Amino acid sequence: MTVKIYHNPRCSKSRQTLALLQDNGVEPEVVEYLTTPPSAAELKDVLAKLGLGPKDVLRTKEAKEEGIDPALDGDALIEAIARHPRTLQRPIVVKGAKAAMGRPPESVLDIL
């Protein structure tokens, strides 16, 4: 089963999570989400797998810098994150019907 990581190579937690996966024999599909952002539909699917809402994966400082209305929620916020991918928390690892946030990196081991 394919493992996918939404990765930002400039983020230390993202690099640590990728290394942790590789150290555990997993060669994930790496999606550099800043250059290949997920669509709103993909984000919605990932959120369902995480069991989280869009506010739970929003980087508030970046959202403010991008001018995203803090009152947004639901599909409107998902659309805003899709348009401004740097506002997405990282890394996120997906395997099948499960997903985990790599904060701390070891938390992704639960879905492997």
N, C-alpha and C. Protein backbone atom coordinates (compact mmCIF):
# COMPACT_ATOMS: atom_id res chain seq x y z
N MET A 1 0.84 -1.19 0.00
CA MET A 1 0.00 0.00 0.00
C MET A 1 0.89 1.25 0.00
N THR A 2 0.55 2.20 -0.83
CA THR A 2 1.33 3.42 -0.97
C THR A 2 1.21 4.31 0.25
N VAL A 3 2.33 4.85 0.65
CA VAL A 3 2.37 5.86 1.71
C VAL A 3 2.73 7.17 1.03
N LYS A 4 1.99 8.22 1.37
CA LYS A 4 2.21 9.54 0.77
C LYS A 4 2.54 10.52 1.89
N ILE A 5 3.53 11.37 1.64
CA ILE A 5 3.85 12.42 2.60
C ILE A 5 3.70 13.78 1.90
N TYR A 6 2.91 14.65 2.53
CA TYR A 6 2.81 16.04 2.08
C TYR A 6 3.97 16.75 2.77
N HIS A 7 4.98 17.11 1.97
CA HIS A 7 6.31 17.45 2.47
C HIS A 7 6.74 18.84 2.05
N ASN A 8 7.43 19.50 2.98
CA ASN A 8 8.09 20.77 2.69
C ASN A 8 9.56 20.56 3.04
N PRO A 9 10.44 20.47 2.05
CA PRO A 9 11.85 20.18 2.33
C PRO A 9 12.54 21.23 3.20
N ARG A 10 11.97 22.42 3.32
CA ARG A 10 12.59 23.46 4.15
C ARG A 10 12.16 23.36 5.62
N CYS A 11 11.22 22.46 5.92
CA CYS A 11 10.70 22.31 7.28
C CYS A 11 11.42 21.17 8.00
N SER A 12 12.00 21.45 9.17
CA SER A 12 12.76 20.42 9.88
C SER A 12 11.87 19.24 10.29
N LYS A 13 10.65 19.49 10.75
CA LYS A 13 9.76 18.38 11.14
C LYS A 13 9.43 17.51 9.93
N SER A 14 9.25 18.14 8.79
CA SER A 14 8.94 17.41 7.57
C SER A 14 10.14 16.55 7.16
N ARG A 15 11.34 17.11 7.22
CA ARG A 15 12.54 16.33 6.89
C ARG A 15 12.73 15.18 7.87
N GLN A 16 12.50 15.44 9.16
CA GLN A 16 12.64 14.39 10.18
C GLN A 16 11.64 13.26 9.95
N THR A 17 10.41 13.62 9.59
CA THR A 17 9.37 12.62 9.36
C THR A 17 9.70 11.78 8.14
N LEU A 18 10.16 12.41 7.06
CA LEU A 18 10.55 11.67 5.87
C LEU A 18 11.69 10.70 6.19
N ALA A 19 12.70 11.16 6.94
CA ALA A 19 13.82 10.30 7.33
C ALA A 19 13.35 9.14 8.20
N LEU A 20 12.41 9.41 9.10
CA LEU A 20 11.87 8.37 9.97
C LEU A 20 11.16 7.29 9.15
N LEU A 21 10.39 7.71 8.17
CA LEU A 21 9.71 6.74 7.28
C LEU A 21 10.76 5.88 6.57
N GLN A 22 11.76 6.54 5.99
CA GLN A 22 12.78 5.81 5.25
C GLN A 22 13.58 4.88 6.17
N ASP A 23 13.86 5.32 7.39
CA ASP A 23 14.57 4.48 8.36
C ASP A 23 13.76 3.24 8.74
N ASN A 24 12.43 3.32 8.55
CA ASN A 24 11.54 2.19 8.85
C ASN A 24 11.19 1.41 7.59
N GLY A 25 11.99 1.60 6.52
CA GLY A 25 11.82 0.82 5.30
C GLY A 25 10.69 1.28 4.40
N VAL A 26 10.18 2.49 4.63
CA VAL A 26 9.07 3.01 3.82
C VAL A 26 9.63 4.06 2.86
N GLU A 27 9.41 3.85 1.56
CA GLU A 27 9.77 4.86 0.56
C GLU A 27 8.46 5.51 0.11
N PRO A 28 8.09 6.61 0.74
CA PRO A 28 6.79 7.21 0.44
C PRO A 28 6.79 7.98 -0.88
N GLU A 29 5.59 8.17 -1.39
CA GLU A 29 5.38 9.11 -2.49
C GLU A 29 5.49 10.49 -1.86
N VAL A 30 6.44 11.29 -2.32
CA VAL A 30 6.67 12.61 -1.73
C VAL A 30 5.93 13.65 -2.56
N VAL A 31 5.02 14.35 -1.90
CA VAL A 31 4.29 15.44 -2.55
C VAL A 31 4.78 16.74 -1.94
N GLU A 32 5.56 17.49 -2.71
CA GLU A 32 5.99 18.80 -2.24
C GLU A 32 4.82 19.75 -2.47
N TYR A 33 4.00 19.87 -1.41
CA TYR A 33 2.70 20.53 -1.55
C TYR A 33 2.77 22.02 -1.86
N LEU A 34 3.94 22.64 -1.69
CA LEU A 34 4.05 24.05 -2.06
C LEU A 34 4.15 24.21 -3.57
N THR A 35 4.73 23.21 -4.26
CA THR A 35 4.84 23.28 -5.72
C THR A 35 3.70 22.51 -6.39
N THR A 36 3.17 21.49 -5.71
CA THR A 36 2.04 20.71 -6.22
C THR A 36 0.96 20.65 -5.14
N PRO A 37 0.22 21.75 -4.97
CA PRO A 37 -0.74 21.79 -3.87
C PRO A 37 -1.90 20.82 -4.07
N PRO A 38 -2.38 20.25 -2.96
CA PRO A 38 -3.55 19.37 -3.06
C PRO A 38 -4.80 20.20 -3.39
N SER A 39 -5.71 19.60 -4.10
CA SER A 39 -6.98 20.28 -4.40
C SER A 39 -7.83 20.32 -3.14
N ALA A 40 -8.89 21.09 -3.18
CA ALA A 40 -9.81 21.15 -2.04
C ALA A 40 -10.39 19.76 -1.76
N ALA A 41 -10.70 19.01 -2.82
CA ALA A 41 -11.25 17.65 -2.63
C ALA A 41 -10.23 16.73 -1.96
N GLU A 42 -8.96 16.83 -2.38
CA GLU A 42 -7.90 16.03 -1.74
C GLU A 42 -7.74 16.41 -0.27
N LEU A 43 -7.75 17.72 0.00
CA LEU A 43 -7.64 18.18 1.39
C LEU A 43 -8.78 17.66 2.24
N LYS A 44 -9.98 17.69 1.69
CA LYS A 44 -11.16 17.21 2.42
C LYS A 44 -10.99 15.72 2.76
N ASP A 45 -10.48 14.96 1.80
CA ASP A 45 -10.24 13.53 2.00
C ASP A 45 -9.18 13.31 3.09
N VAL A 46 -8.09 14.07 3.03
CA VAL A 46 -7.02 13.95 4.02
C VAL A 46 -7.54 14.32 5.41
N LEU A 47 -8.33 15.38 5.50
CA LEU A 47 -8.89 15.78 6.79
C LEU A 47 -9.77 14.68 7.38
N ALA A 48 -10.57 14.04 6.52
CA ALA A 48 -11.42 12.94 6.99
C ALA A 48 -10.55 11.81 7.55
N LYS A 49 -9.46 11.51 6.87
CA LYS A 49 -8.55 10.45 7.32
C LYS A 49 -7.84 10.82 8.62
N LEU A 50 -7.57 12.11 8.78
CA LEU A 50 -6.94 12.59 10.01
C LEU A 50 -7.94 12.67 11.16
N GLY A 51 -9.23 12.79 10.81
CA GLY A 51 -10.26 13.00 11.83
C GLY A 51 -10.19 14.42 12.39
N LEU A 52 -9.79 15.36 11.53
CA LEU A 52 -9.62 16.75 11.95
C LEU A 52 -10.43 17.69 11.06
N GLY A 53 -10.65 18.88 11.56
CA GLY A 53 -11.29 19.93 10.77
C GLY A 53 -10.24 20.83 10.15
N PRO A 54 -10.64 21.69 9.22
CA PRO A 54 -9.65 22.54 8.55
C PRO A 54 -8.90 23.48 9.49
N LYS A 55 -9.55 23.95 10.55
CA LYS A 55 -8.84 24.84 11.49
C LYS A 55 -7.71 24.10 12.20
N ASP A 56 -7.82 22.77 12.32
CA ASP A 56 -6.81 21.96 13.00
C ASP A 56 -5.51 21.84 12.20
N VAL A 57 -5.56 22.09 10.89
CA VAL A 57 -4.36 21.97 10.06
C VAL A 57 -3.92 23.32 9.49
N LEU A 58 -4.49 24.37 10.03
CA LEU A 58 -4.19 25.72 9.54
C LEU A 58 -3.04 26.33 10.32
N ARG A 59 -2.04 26.80 9.61
CA ARG A 59 -0.94 27.55 10.23
C ARG A 59 -1.42 28.99 10.35
N THR A 60 -1.72 29.42 11.57
CA THR A 60 -2.41 30.71 11.76
C THR A 60 -1.58 31.91 11.33
N LYS A 61 -0.27 31.88 11.60
CA LYS A 61 0.57 33.02 11.20
C LYS A 61 0.56 33.18 9.68
N GLU A 62 0.74 32.06 8.96
CA GLU A 62 0.74 32.11 7.50
C GLU A 62 -0.64 32.49 6.96
N ALA A 63 -1.69 32.01 7.62
CA ALA A 63 -3.06 32.35 7.18
C ALA A 63 -3.29 33.85 7.29
N LYS A 64 -2.82 34.43 8.39
CA LYS A 64 -2.96 35.88 8.57
C LYS A 64 -2.18 36.62 7.49
N GLU A 65 -0.94 36.15 7.21
CA GLU A 65 -0.11 36.78 6.17
C GLU A 65 -0.77 36.68 4.80
N GLU A 66 -1.51 35.59 4.55
CA GLU A 66 -2.19 35.40 3.25
C GLU A 66 -3.53 36.13 3.21
N GLY A 67 -3.95 36.73 4.32
CA GLY A 67 -5.21 37.46 4.36
C GLY A 67 -6.44 36.57 4.43
N ILE A 68 -6.28 35.36 4.96
CA ILE A 68 -7.42 34.45 5.10
C ILE A 68 -8.26 34.90 6.29
N ASP A 69 -9.54 35.06 6.07
CA ASP A 69 -10.49 35.50 7.10
C ASP A 69 -10.52 34.47 8.23
N PRO A 70 -10.19 34.88 9.47
CA PRO A 70 -10.16 33.93 10.58
C PRO A 70 -11.53 33.33 10.91
N ALA A 71 -12.60 33.93 10.39
CA ALA A 71 -13.94 33.41 10.64
C ALA A 71 -14.31 32.26 9.70
N LEU A 72 -13.52 32.05 8.66
CA LEU A 72 -13.82 30.97 7.72
C LEU A 72 -13.76 29.62 8.41
N ASP A 73 -14.60 28.70 7.93
CA ASP A 73 -14.56 27.33 8.43
C ASP A 73 -15.12 26.43 7.33
N GLY A 74 -15.07 25.15 7.56
CA GLY A 74 -15.65 24.19 6.63
C GLY A 74 -15.06 24.29 5.24
N ASP A 75 -15.93 24.11 4.23
CA ASP A 75 -15.48 24.09 2.84
C ASP A 75 -14.80 25.39 2.42
N ALA A 76 -15.26 26.53 2.96
CA ALA A 76 -14.65 27.81 2.58
C ALA A 76 -13.19 27.86 3.05
N LEU A 77 -12.92 27.35 4.24
CA LEU A 77 -11.55 27.34 4.73
C LEU A 77 -10.70 26.32 3.98
N ILE A 78 -11.29 25.18 3.65
CA ILE A 78 -10.57 24.17 2.85
C ILE A 78 -10.16 24.78 1.50
N GLU A 79 -11.07 25.49 0.87
CA GLU A 79 -10.77 26.16 -0.41
C GLU A 79 -9.63 27.17 -0.23
N ALA A 80 -9.65 27.92 0.86
CA ALA A 80 -8.61 28.93 1.11
C ALA A 80 -7.25 28.25 1.31
N ILE A 81 -7.22 27.14 2.05
CA ILE A 81 -5.96 26.42 2.25
C ILE A 81 -5.45 25.87 0.91
N ALA A 82 -6.35 25.37 0.08
CA ALA A 82 -5.95 24.85 -1.24
C ALA A 82 -5.35 25.97 -2.10
N ARG A 83 -5.89 27.17 -1.99
CA ARG A 83 -5.37 28.31 -2.76
C ARG A 83 -4.05 28.84 -2.20
N HIS A 84 -3.84 28.63 -0.90
CA HIS A 84 -2.65 29.14 -0.21
C HIS A 84 -2.00 27.98 0.55
N PRO A 85 -1.32 27.06 -0.16
CA PRO A 85 -0.84 25.83 0.48
C PRO A 85 0.17 26.05 1.60
N ARG A 86 0.83 27.20 1.65
CA ARG A 86 1.78 27.41 2.75
C ARG A 86 1.09 27.53 4.10
N THR A 87 -0.25 27.65 4.09
CA THR A 87 -1.00 27.72 5.34
C THR A 87 -1.31 26.34 5.92
N LEU A 88 -0.93 25.29 5.21
CA LEU A 88 -1.21 23.92 5.65
C LEU A 88 -0.13 23.43 6.61
N GLN A 89 -0.56 22.89 7.76
CA GLN A 89 0.39 22.27 8.69
C GLN A 89 1.10 21.13 7.98
N ARG A 90 2.32 20.87 8.38
CA ARG A 90 3.09 19.81 7.75
C ARG A 90 3.94 19.13 8.80
N PRO A 91 4.40 17.96 8.46
CA PRO A 91 4.01 17.12 7.32
C PRO A 91 2.77 16.31 7.66
N ILE A 92 2.11 15.84 6.62
CA ILE A 92 0.98 14.93 6.78
C ILE A 92 1.33 13.67 6.01
N VAL A 93 1.15 12.53 6.65
CA VAL A 93 1.44 11.23 6.04
C VAL A 93 0.12 10.48 5.90
N VAL A 94 -0.11 9.92 4.71
CA VAL A 94 -1.35 9.19 4.42
C VAL A 94 -1.01 7.78 3.98
N LYS A 95 -1.71 6.82 4.55
CA LYS A 95 -1.60 5.42 4.13
C LYS A 95 -3.00 4.83 4.14
N GLY A 96 -3.51 4.51 2.95
CA GLY A 96 -4.84 3.94 2.85
C GLY A 96 -5.89 4.85 3.44
N ALA A 97 -6.67 4.32 4.40
CA ALA A 97 -7.76 5.09 5.00
C ALA A 97 -7.31 5.86 6.24
N LYS A 98 -5.99 5.89 6.49
CA LYS A 98 -5.48 6.55 7.69
C LYS A 98 -4.51 7.67 7.31
N ALA A 99 -4.42 8.64 8.20
CA ALA A 99 -3.46 9.72 8.01
C ALA A 99 -2.99 10.17 9.39
N ALA A 100 -1.80 10.77 9.43
CA ALA A 100 -1.26 11.29 10.68
C ALA A 100 -0.43 12.53 10.40
N MET A 101 -0.45 13.42 11.37
CA MET A 101 0.35 14.63 11.32
C MET A 101 1.71 14.30 11.93
N GLY A 102 2.78 14.70 11.28
CA GLY A 102 4.12 14.41 11.76
C GLY A 102 4.62 15.39 12.80
N ARG A 103 3.81 15.67 13.79
CA ARG A 103 4.17 16.57 14.89
C ARG A 103 3.78 15.89 16.18
N PRO A 104 4.65 15.17 16.84
CA PRO A 104 6.04 14.90 16.51
C PRO A 104 6.15 13.86 15.39
N PRO A 105 7.31 13.76 14.76
CA PRO A 105 7.48 12.82 13.64
C PRO A 105 7.06 11.39 13.98
N GLU A 106 7.32 10.95 15.21
CA GLU A 106 7.02 9.56 15.60
C GLU A 106 5.53 9.23 15.54
N SER A 107 4.67 10.25 15.56
CA SER A 107 3.23 9.98 15.53
C SER A 107 2.78 9.31 14.23
N VAL A 108 3.57 9.41 13.16
CA VAL A 108 3.18 8.77 11.90
C VAL A 108 3.39 7.26 11.93
N LEU A 109 4.19 6.78 12.86
CA LEU A 109 4.44 5.33 12.94
C LEU A 109 3.16 4.57 13.27
N ASP A 110 2.20 5.22 13.94
CA ASP A 110 0.94 4.58 14.31
C ASP A 110 0.13 4.10 13.10
N ILE A 111 0.29 4.74 11.95
CA ILE A 111 -0.51 4.36 10.78
C ILE A 111 0.21 3.40 9.85
N LEU A 112 1.48 3.12 10.15
CA LEU A 112 2.24 2.19 9.30
C LEU A 112 1.92 0.78 9.73
